[in-house]
Amino acid sequence: MRKKNVAGAAILDKADDAPELTDAFFAAATVREGDKIVRRGRPKVAAPKQLVTIRFPAKTLGRLRAMGPGWQGVVVKAVEAALDHGTTAEAVQKTASRKRDAGASSARTRRRKVA
């Protein structure tokens, strides 16, 4: 008569055992709620900031940069404050045109004196 194979302790193999669940394992895991993957990290902003190009005179830009790190935020706050206090584009244009007119009249005066 043949001897039966004994099933039991000998069939367990250490290579087939489940790996140890470490912090690195959980950090690399994909988190799901049902079928949807849950995004990790910083949540998306509803109204993200937009990149805009604006040209400043070198002297003005130098003074702004001299404020140190975060000077861009200071500029944004100043613009927002101006808009909140009712400074409109028309008022800014009037001020700019007055400065241009004043500069032009002084240039005319200088030319007359020289000639």
N, C-alpha and C. Protein backbone atom coordinates (compact mmCIF):
# COMPACT_ATOMS: atom_id res chain seq x y z
N MET A 1 0.82 -1.16 0.00
CA MET A 1 0.00 0.00 0.00
C MET A 1 0.88 1.25 0.00
N ARG A 2 0.42 2.25 -0.75
CA ARG A 2 1.18 3.51 -0.81
C ARG A 2 0.82 4.41 0.35
N LYS A 3 1.83 5.17 0.76
CA LYS A 3 1.63 6.13 1.84
C LYS A 3 1.04 7.42 1.26
N LYS A 4 0.06 8.01 1.91
CA LYS A 4 -0.57 9.24 1.46
C LYS A 4 0.35 10.43 1.74
N ASN A 5 0.31 11.44 0.82
CA ASN A 5 1.05 12.69 1.06
C ASN A 5 0.37 13.43 2.20
N VAL A 6 1.16 13.94 3.09
CA VAL A 6 0.62 14.66 4.23
C VAL A 6 0.52 16.14 3.87
N ALA A 7 -0.67 16.66 3.92
CA ALA A 7 -0.87 18.08 3.67
C ALA A 7 -0.80 18.81 5.00
N GLY A 8 -0.18 20.01 4.99
CA GLY A 8 -0.12 20.74 6.25
C GLY A 8 1.04 21.70 6.29
N ALA A 9 1.85 21.63 7.28
CA ALA A 9 2.91 22.59 7.57
C ALA A 9 3.90 22.74 6.43
N ALA A 10 4.16 21.74 5.66
CA ALA A 10 5.18 21.79 4.62
C ALA A 10 4.75 22.62 3.41
N ILE A 11 3.49 22.92 3.21
CA ILE A 11 3.07 23.63 2.01
C ILE A 11 3.22 25.15 2.15
N LEU A 12 3.43 25.69 3.32
CA LEU A 12 3.57 27.13 3.53
C LEU A 12 4.97 27.57 3.13
N ASP A 13 5.06 28.55 2.23
CA ASP A 13 6.36 29.04 1.76
C ASP A 13 6.52 30.49 2.20
N LYS A 14 7.66 30.83 2.79
CA LYS A 14 7.89 32.21 3.27
C LYS A 14 7.87 33.24 2.15
N ALA A 15 8.25 32.87 0.94
CA ALA A 15 8.25 33.80 -0.19
C ALA A 15 6.84 34.20 -0.58
N ASP A 16 5.86 33.35 -0.28
CA ASP A 16 4.48 33.65 -0.64
C ASP A 16 3.74 34.42 0.44
N ASP A 17 4.35 34.61 1.59
CA ASP A 17 3.68 35.34 2.67
C ASP A 17 3.43 36.78 2.27
N ALA A 18 2.42 37.37 2.85
CA ALA A 18 2.10 38.79 2.58
C ALA A 18 3.25 39.66 3.09
N PRO A 19 3.55 40.74 2.35
CA PRO A 19 4.64 41.62 2.81
C PRO A 19 4.23 42.38 4.06
N GLU A 20 5.21 42.86 4.77
CA GLU A 20 4.94 43.67 5.96
C GLU A 20 4.35 45.01 5.51
N LEU A 21 3.30 45.44 6.17
CA LEU A 21 2.64 46.69 5.80
C LEU A 21 3.32 47.84 6.54
N THR A 22 4.18 48.57 5.80
CA THR A 22 4.94 49.67 6.38
C THR A 22 4.31 51.01 6.00
N ASP A 23 4.85 52.10 6.56
CA ASP A 23 4.37 53.45 6.21
C ASP A 23 4.61 53.73 4.73
N ALA A 24 5.72 53.25 4.18
CA ALA A 24 6.02 53.45 2.76
C ALA A 24 4.97 52.75 1.88
N PHE A 25 4.52 51.58 2.31
CA PHE A 25 3.50 50.85 1.56
C PHE A 25 2.21 51.68 1.48
N PHE A 26 1.79 52.24 2.62
CA PHE A 26 0.56 53.02 2.65
C PHE A 26 0.72 54.36 1.93
N ALA A 27 1.93 54.95 1.95
CA ALA A 27 2.17 56.21 1.25
C ALA A 27 2.05 56.04 -0.26
N ALA A 28 2.40 54.85 -0.76
CA ALA A 28 2.34 54.59 -2.20
C ALA A 28 0.98 54.05 -2.64
N ALA A 29 0.09 53.80 -1.71
CA ALA A 29 -1.20 53.21 -2.03
C ALA A 29 -2.11 54.21 -2.73
N THR A 30 -3.01 53.69 -3.54
CA THR A 30 -4.03 54.51 -4.20
C THR A 30 -5.29 54.47 -3.34
N VAL A 31 -5.74 55.63 -2.91
CA VAL A 31 -6.91 55.71 -2.05
C VAL A 31 -8.14 55.87 -2.93
N ARG A 32 -9.16 55.06 -2.68
CA ARG A 32 -10.38 55.08 -3.49
C ARG A 32 -11.60 55.19 -2.59
N GLU A 33 -12.61 55.87 -3.11
CA GLU A 33 -13.93 55.87 -2.51
C GLU A 33 -14.86 55.28 -3.56
N GLY A 34 -15.17 54.03 -3.40
CA GLY A 34 -15.91 53.32 -4.44
C GLY A 34 -15.02 53.14 -5.65
N ASP A 35 -15.48 53.59 -6.82
CA ASP A 35 -14.68 53.49 -8.04
C ASP A 35 -13.83 54.73 -8.30
N LYS A 36 -14.07 55.77 -7.51
CA LYS A 36 -13.39 57.05 -7.74
C LYS A 36 -12.09 57.13 -6.93
N ILE A 37 -11.01 57.55 -7.60
CA ILE A 37 -9.72 57.73 -6.92
C ILE A 37 -9.75 59.07 -6.18
N VAL A 38 -9.38 59.03 -4.90
CA VAL A 38 -9.34 60.24 -4.08
C VAL A 38 -8.00 60.90 -4.31
N ARG A 39 -8.03 62.17 -4.71
CA ARG A 39 -6.79 62.91 -4.97
C ARG A 39 -6.17 63.32 -3.64
N ARG A 40 -4.87 63.13 -3.55
CA ARG A 40 -4.16 63.54 -2.35
C ARG A 40 -3.44 64.83 -2.61
N GLY A 41 -3.03 65.48 -1.54
CA GLY A 41 -2.29 66.72 -1.67
C GLY A 41 -3.20 67.92 -1.53
N ARG A 42 -2.71 69.05 -1.99
CA ARG A 42 -3.44 70.30 -1.87
C ARG A 42 -4.67 70.30 -2.77
N PRO A 43 -5.83 70.71 -2.23
CA PRO A 43 -7.02 70.73 -3.08
C PRO A 43 -6.93 71.83 -4.15
N LYS A 44 -7.62 71.62 -5.26
CA LYS A 44 -7.61 72.61 -6.34
C LYS A 44 -8.40 73.84 -5.91
N VAL A 45 -7.91 75.01 -6.30
CA VAL A 45 -8.55 76.27 -5.97
C VAL A 45 -9.68 76.54 -6.97
N ALA A 46 -10.79 77.06 -6.47
CA ALA A 46 -11.92 77.35 -7.35
C ALA A 46 -11.59 78.42 -8.38
N ALA A 47 -10.88 79.46 -7.95
CA ALA A 47 -10.50 80.54 -8.85
C ALA A 47 -8.98 80.74 -8.75
N PRO A 48 -8.20 79.97 -9.53
CA PRO A 48 -6.74 80.09 -9.42
C PRO A 48 -6.23 81.44 -9.95
N LYS A 49 -5.07 81.84 -9.46
CA LYS A 49 -4.46 83.09 -9.95
C LYS A 49 -4.05 82.91 -11.40
N GLN A 50 -4.06 84.02 -12.14
CA GLN A 50 -3.70 83.97 -13.55
C GLN A 50 -2.42 84.78 -13.77
N LEU A 51 -1.63 84.30 -14.69
CA LEU A 51 -0.39 84.98 -15.04
C LEU A 51 -0.71 86.16 -15.96
N VAL A 52 -0.18 87.34 -15.61
CA VAL A 52 -0.40 88.55 -16.39
C VAL A 52 0.96 89.22 -16.59
N THR A 53 1.17 89.78 -17.75
CA THR A 53 2.40 90.53 -18.01
C THR A 53 2.08 92.01 -17.91
N ILE A 54 2.86 92.71 -17.10
CA ILE A 54 2.69 94.15 -16.95
C ILE A 54 4.07 94.77 -17.00
N ARG A 55 4.19 95.90 -17.65
CA ARG A 55 5.49 96.54 -17.81
C ARG A 55 5.59 97.74 -16.88
N PHE A 56 6.57 97.71 -15.98
CA PHE A 56 6.84 98.80 -15.05
C PHE A 56 8.12 99.51 -15.48
N PRO A 57 8.22 100.79 -15.20
CA PRO A 57 9.51 101.46 -15.40
C PRO A 57 10.56 100.81 -14.51
N ALA A 58 11.81 100.82 -14.94
CA ALA A 58 12.88 100.15 -14.20
C ALA A 58 13.00 100.68 -12.77
N LYS A 59 12.84 102.00 -12.61
CA LYS A 59 12.95 102.61 -11.29
C LYS A 59 11.84 102.10 -10.36
N THR A 60 10.63 102.03 -10.86
CA THR A 60 9.49 101.54 -10.07
C THR A 60 9.69 100.07 -9.72
N LEU A 61 10.10 99.28 -10.68
CA LEU A 61 10.31 97.86 -10.42
C LEU A 61 11.42 97.65 -9.40
N GLY A 62 12.46 98.44 -9.48
CA GLY A 62 13.54 98.36 -8.51
C GLY A 62 13.06 98.66 -7.10
N ARG A 63 12.21 99.68 -6.97
CA ARG A 63 11.67 100.03 -5.65
C ARG A 63 10.78 98.92 -5.12
N LEU A 64 9.99 98.30 -6.00
CA LEU A 64 9.13 97.19 -5.57
C LEU A 64 9.96 96.00 -5.11
N ARG A 65 10.97 95.65 -5.89
CA ARG A 65 11.80 94.50 -5.53
C ARG A 65 12.60 94.75 -4.26
N ALA A 66 12.87 96.01 -3.97
CA ALA A 66 13.62 96.35 -2.75
C ALA A 66 12.81 96.04 -1.49
N MET A 67 11.50 95.84 -1.64
CA MET A 67 10.66 95.47 -0.50
C MET A 67 10.98 94.07 0.00
N GLY A 68 11.65 93.27 -0.82
CA GLY A 68 12.04 91.93 -0.41
C GLY A 68 11.05 90.88 -0.89
N PRO A 69 11.21 89.66 -0.38
CA PRO A 69 10.33 88.57 -0.79
C PRO A 69 8.86 88.92 -0.51
N GLY A 70 8.01 88.57 -1.44
CA GLY A 70 6.58 88.84 -1.29
C GLY A 70 6.14 90.17 -1.85
N TRP A 71 7.00 90.84 -2.60
CA TRP A 71 6.63 92.16 -3.12
C TRP A 71 5.48 92.05 -4.11
N GLN A 72 5.36 90.92 -4.82
CA GLN A 72 4.26 90.77 -5.77
C GLN A 72 2.92 90.79 -5.04
N GLY A 73 2.86 90.16 -3.88
CA GLY A 73 1.64 90.17 -3.08
C GLY A 73 1.27 91.56 -2.62
N VAL A 74 2.28 92.37 -2.31
CA VAL A 74 2.04 93.76 -1.91
C VAL A 74 1.42 94.54 -3.07
N VAL A 75 1.92 94.30 -4.27
CA VAL A 75 1.38 94.98 -5.45
C VAL A 75 -0.08 94.57 -5.67
N VAL A 76 -0.37 93.28 -5.53
CA VAL A 76 -1.74 92.79 -5.71
C VAL A 76 -2.66 93.45 -4.69
N LYS A 77 -2.22 93.50 -3.42
CA LYS A 77 -3.05 94.12 -2.38
C LYS A 77 -3.27 95.60 -2.64
N ALA A 78 -2.25 96.31 -3.14
CA ALA A 78 -2.39 97.73 -3.44
C ALA A 78 -3.39 97.96 -4.58
N VAL A 79 -3.33 97.11 -5.58
CA VAL A 79 -4.28 97.24 -6.70
C VAL A 79 -5.70 96.94 -6.21
N GLU A 80 -5.85 95.88 -5.41
CA GLU A 80 -7.17 95.55 -4.88
C GLU A 80 -7.71 96.68 -4.01
N ALA A 81 -6.84 97.27 -3.17
CA ALA A 81 -7.28 98.37 -2.32
C ALA A 81 -7.72 99.57 -3.15
N ALA A 82 -6.98 99.85 -4.22
CA ALA A 82 -7.35 100.97 -5.10
C ALA A 82 -8.70 100.71 -5.75
N LEU A 83 -8.93 99.48 -6.17
CA LEU A 83 -10.21 99.14 -6.79
C LEU A 83 -11.35 99.19 -5.76
N ASP A 84 -11.08 98.75 -4.53
CA ASP A 84 -12.10 98.76 -3.48
C ASP A 84 -12.48 100.17 -3.05
N HIS A 85 -11.53 101.10 -3.14
CA HIS A 85 -11.79 102.48 -2.72
C HIS A 85 -12.37 103.32 -3.85
N GLY A 86 -12.79 102.69 -4.92
CA GLY A 86 -13.47 103.42 -5.98
C GLY A 86 -12.54 104.07 -6.99
N THR A 87 -11.27 103.73 -6.96
CA THR A 87 -10.37 104.27 -7.97
C THR A 87 -10.70 103.57 -9.28
N THR A 88 -11.19 104.32 -10.22
CA THR A 88 -11.59 103.74 -11.50
C THR A 88 -10.52 103.97 -12.55
N ALA A 89 -10.66 103.30 -13.64
CA ALA A 89 -9.71 103.47 -14.73
C ALA A 89 -9.76 104.90 -15.26
N GLU A 90 -10.95 105.51 -15.26
CA GLU A 90 -11.07 106.89 -15.75
C GLU A 90 -10.29 107.86 -14.86
N ALA A 91 -10.36 107.65 -13.55
CA ALA A 91 -9.63 108.52 -12.62
C ALA A 91 -8.13 108.36 -12.79
N VAL A 92 -7.69 107.13 -12.98
CA VAL A 92 -6.26 106.88 -13.19
C VAL A 92 -5.81 107.52 -14.49
N GLN A 93 -6.63 107.42 -15.56
CA GLN A 93 -6.26 108.01 -16.84
C GLN A 93 -6.21 109.53 -16.75
N LYS A 94 -7.14 110.14 -16.00
CA LYS A 94 -7.13 111.59 -15.84
C LYS A 94 -5.86 112.05 -15.14
N THR A 95 -5.48 111.31 -14.08
CA THR A 95 -4.25 111.64 -13.35
C THR A 95 -3.04 111.51 -14.26
N ALA A 96 -3.00 110.44 -15.04
CA ALA A 96 -1.87 110.22 -15.94
C ALA A 96 -1.81 111.30 -17.01
N SER A 97 -2.97 111.70 -17.54
CA SER A 97 -2.98 112.73 -18.58
C SER A 97 -2.56 114.08 -18.01
N ARG A 98 -2.93 114.36 -16.76
CA ARG A 98 -2.49 115.62 -16.12
C ARG A 98 -0.98 115.63 -15.98
N LYS A 99 -0.41 114.50 -15.58
CA LYS A 99 1.05 114.43 -15.43
C LYS A 99 1.73 114.59 -16.78
N ARG A 100 1.14 113.98 -17.83
CA ARG A 100 1.73 114.13 -19.17
C ARG A 100 1.66 115.56 -19.64
N ASP A 101 0.51 116.20 -19.40
CA ASP A 101 0.35 117.59 -19.82
C ASP A 101 1.31 118.49 -19.07
N ALA A 102 1.51 118.24 -17.80
CA ALA A 102 2.44 119.04 -17.00
C ALA A 102 3.86 118.86 -17.51
N GLY A 103 4.20 117.63 -17.87
CA GLY A 103 5.54 117.36 -18.40
C GLY A 103 5.75 118.02 -19.74
N ALA A 104 4.73 118.05 -20.58
CA ALA A 104 4.84 118.66 -21.90
C ALA A 104 4.99 120.17 -21.78
N SER A 105 4.24 120.79 -20.87
CA SER A 105 4.35 122.24 -20.74
C SER A 105 5.72 122.64 -20.20
N SER A 106 6.28 121.85 -19.28
CA SER A 106 7.60 122.19 -18.77
C SER A 106 8.66 121.99 -19.85
N ALA A 107 8.47 121.03 -20.76
CA ALA A 107 9.41 120.81 -21.86
C ALA A 107 9.34 121.99 -22.82
N ARG A 108 8.11 122.50 -23.06
CA ARG A 108 7.98 123.66 -23.94
C ARG A 108 8.68 124.88 -23.32
N THR A 109 8.52 125.03 -22.03
CA THR A 109 9.15 126.14 -21.34
C THR A 109 10.66 126.05 -21.45
N ARG A 110 11.20 124.85 -21.29
CA ARG A 110 12.66 124.68 -21.39
C ARG A 110 13.13 125.02 -22.80
N ARG A 111 12.39 124.63 -23.80
CA ARG A 111 12.81 124.92 -25.18
C ARG A 111 12.83 126.42 -25.42
N ARG A 112 11.86 127.11 -24.90
CA ARG A 112 11.83 128.56 -25.10
C ARG A 112 13.00 129.25 -24.44
N LYS A 113 13.37 128.80 -23.26
CA LYS A 113 14.48 129.41 -22.54
C LYS A 113 15.79 129.19 -23.26
N VAL A 114 15.95 128.00 -23.82
CA VAL A 114 17.18 127.65 -24.50
C VAL A 114 17.32 128.46 -25.78
N ALA A 115 16.25 128.61 -26.50
CA ALA A 115 16.30 129.26 -27.82
C ALA A 115 16.50 130.74 -27.74
